[in-house]
Amino acid sequence: MKNKTVDLSTAVPTGKNSIKAPAGPREQIDRLLIANSRIQRETAAQGPAAVRSAAPESLEAERQLFRAMIDQVPDYLFVKDAQGRFVIANRAVAADLGREPAELIGLTDFDLHHPALAHKFFADEQTVVRTGEPLIDIQETLVDFEGREKWFATSKVALRDAEGHIIGLVGVCRDITDRKQAEAEIHFMALHDALTGLPNRTLLTDRLTQAILDSKRTGHRLSAVFIDLDNFKPVNDRLGHIAGDALLKVVAKRMSDAVRGSDTVARLGGDEFVILLADRDRGEDDVTAVLERIRTAIAEPVEIEGCLFRVTASIGVASYPADGTDADTLLLHADIAMYEAKASGRDTFRFYTAEIGAATRQKRRRDD
C-alpha cells in the first residue's frame, strides 16, 4: 500500500490521521502538546517490547515527517529541557542565529545571545518550569546573527512527561517586527512635523511642561524662543512651495545644529519655530549667546534652484519663572516678544518684559 502524500507547508497534527492549518502561537503549542500526549499514551499502551520491535525505517520516517512539518512553520518552534538546553528547534530559529537546526541541540541561550538577554530568557523560562504557569503572547526582542533587532510575540508553556512531571517547555515565537516598526512610525508622525522631522506643537508642549517641572525642582533657567522667518514669502511666490519647503528644511537643520542635543527645536507650522532652551543656569548672557548663534546661522545665504536667497529671523524670548509659570503663558509671551523684534526692524531678538506685554495689550484694545 502506497503512503499517502500530505502537503506539510501549512499543516500540524491535530489527531491521529488528520491535519489542519495552524492558528495562533497558543493553538500551535496546544496541538504539539496534544500530539506529544497521544504519542506517549500509545507508546505506554504498546509497551517497551512494541517500541523495540518497531521498524527503524518507520521511526526514521516519522522523525523526517515531524522535522519537515516544523521546518515549514515560519514562526519559531522549539523545545527546551528543564535546564534551558535546546532539545528541538525548527529552521526558523536556527536561520536567525546563522546555524543549522541540529547545531542548536544541547546549547542554551547563553551560548547564543548577549548575557543580559540570555539571563532574561532563562529567568522567564525557569518560572514556567518551576510553576507550570504559561507565558502567553509576551513581547520579546533579540538580535539576529546579522545584527538586526527583531520583535516577537512569544508563548511558552510547560512540557510534561506521561506522569505529569514538568521536564521542560515548548515555545512559539511569532515575528512582529514589521508591526512594531509601523507602530513606531505612526507614533513618530503623531508627534513630529512631516516636512522637517522636528517635534510638532503637541510634543513641544509636552516637553515644555516637563521642563517647567524640572526647572521648578532644580532652579535652573528655562527659556522658550519663538522664531518667525523674515522674507520667506518671496521665496514661495517666486519659486513655489517646493522651493519654500526646501528652504524650511535647511533652516530647520541650521537651528538644530546651533543648539545642544538636549534642547528642543520644534516647528509650529508655516515659517514659525520654537526652541526650548532648558537646564541653562548662567542667566541672560548665556541665552543671548545662543540666540546670536541661531540668528547668524539662519541668515546665511541658501542656494535653491541656482538662486541665492537670504532669510532672516525675528526672535522673541520668554523665560521661566519670570515671564510665565506654564507652557501656554511662556509661548504667548515669547510670541509677543517676537512681534516686538519684528517691529524693531527684523533680524534681531527681544526678551519679553512687562512693558512689552502691556504695550501689546494696549495696542490690541485699540485695534479692537
Foldseek 3Di string as FASTA:
>chain_A
DDDDDDDLLAWDDQDDPDTDGADDFVRNQVRVLVVVLVVQVVDVVVDPVVVVPDDPVVVVVVVVVVLVNQQSDLWWKFWAWLQQQTCFTHQNVQVQQVHGRVVRGRPHVVVGADPVLSVVVNVVFNVCLVPQDKDFQDWDWGAGPVRDIWIWRKIKGFRAHNVGHTTTIIMIIDTCRVVVVVVVVVVQPVQADPLQSAGEPVVVQVVVQVLLVVCVVVVAKKKKKKKAKPPLVVQCVPPNVVQSSVLLNQLQVLLCVLDDPVKGWGAHDDRMIMIIDGRHHPPDVVVVVSVVSSQVSQQDWDADPNDTDGMGIQMFMEMPPVQHSHDVRNVVQRVLQSVVSVVVPGSDGGYGDVVSVVVVVVVVVVVD
